[in-house]
Protein backbone atom coordinates (compact mmCIF):
# COMPACT_ATOMS: atom_id res chain seq x y z
CA UNK A 1 -9.33 -11.72 31.66
CA UNK A 2 -6.49 -9.49 32.85
CA UNK A 3 -4.97 -9.62 29.37
CA UNK A 4 -8.09 -8.15 27.76
CA UNK A 5 -8.30 -5.47 30.43
CA UNK A 6 -4.71 -4.45 29.70
CA UNK A 7 -5.38 -4.47 25.95
CA UNK A 8 -8.39 -2.21 26.47
CA UNK A 9 -6.32 0.20 28.56
CA UNK A 10 -3.60 0.35 25.92
CA UNK A 11 -6.11 0.90 23.13
CA UNK A 12 -7.46 3.92 24.98
CA UNK A 13 -3.95 5.45 24.84
CA UNK A 14 -3.67 5.11 21.05
CA UNK A 15 -4.03 8.33 19.08
CA UNK A 16 -6.01 7.36 16.00
CA UNK A 17 -5.55 9.39 12.80
CA UNK A 18 -8.36 11.64 11.72
CA UNK A 19 -10.21 11.49 8.41
CA UNK A 20 -7.98 14.10 6.72
CA UNK A 21 -4.80 12.08 7.23
CA UNK A 22 -6.45 8.78 6.37
CA UNK A 23 -7.66 10.14 3.03
CA UNK A 24 -4.31 11.78 2.32
CA UNK A 25 -2.24 8.67 3.00
CA UNK A 26 -4.74 6.34 1.34
CA UNK A 27 -4.51 8.37 -1.87
CA UNK A 28 -0.71 8.40 -1.64
CA UNK A 29 -0.61 4.63 -1.14
CA UNK A 30 -2.97 3.92 -4.02
CA UNK A 31 -1.00 6.29 -6.27
CA UNK A 32 2.25 4.45 -5.55
CA UNK A 33 0.60 1.07 -6.15
CA UNK A 34 -0.86 2.21 -9.48
CA UNK A 35 2.41 3.83 -10.57
CA UNK A 36 4.51 0.73 -9.88
CA UNK A 37 1.88 -1.57 -11.39
CA UNK A 38 2.02 0.41 -14.63
CA UNK A 39 5.82 0.61 -14.46
CA UNK A 40 6.24 -3.15 -14.16
CA UNK A 41 3.57 -3.76 -16.81
CA UNK A 42 5.49 -1.59 -19.28
CA UNK A 43 8.79 -3.29 -18.38
CA UNK A 44 7.11 -6.68 -18.92
CA UNK A 45 5.82 -5.55 -22.33
CA UNK A 46 9.28 -4.36 -23.34
CA UNK A 47 10.91 -7.60 -22.21
CA UNK A 48 8.28 -9.65 -24.05
CA UNK A 49 8.85 -7.64 -27.23
CA UNK A 50 12.61 -8.14 -26.95
CA UNK A 51 12.19 -11.86 -26.37
CA UNK A 52 9.92 -12.23 -29.42
CA UNK A 53 12.35 -10.19 -31.51
CA UNK A 54 15.27 -12.51 -30.62
CA UNK A 55 13.60 -15.62 -32.06
């Protein structure tokens, strides 16, 4: 039981981000994921085209 009491006390000390920062960093994270997904998709298309062209 002492463990949970200590966890509760530590959680009270945590400074949680507000909505503004959560939206800002969520958009940044999703943008990076989408960018790299498209980047690797295009690279995969190029590699596939080169592989087909070699045969």
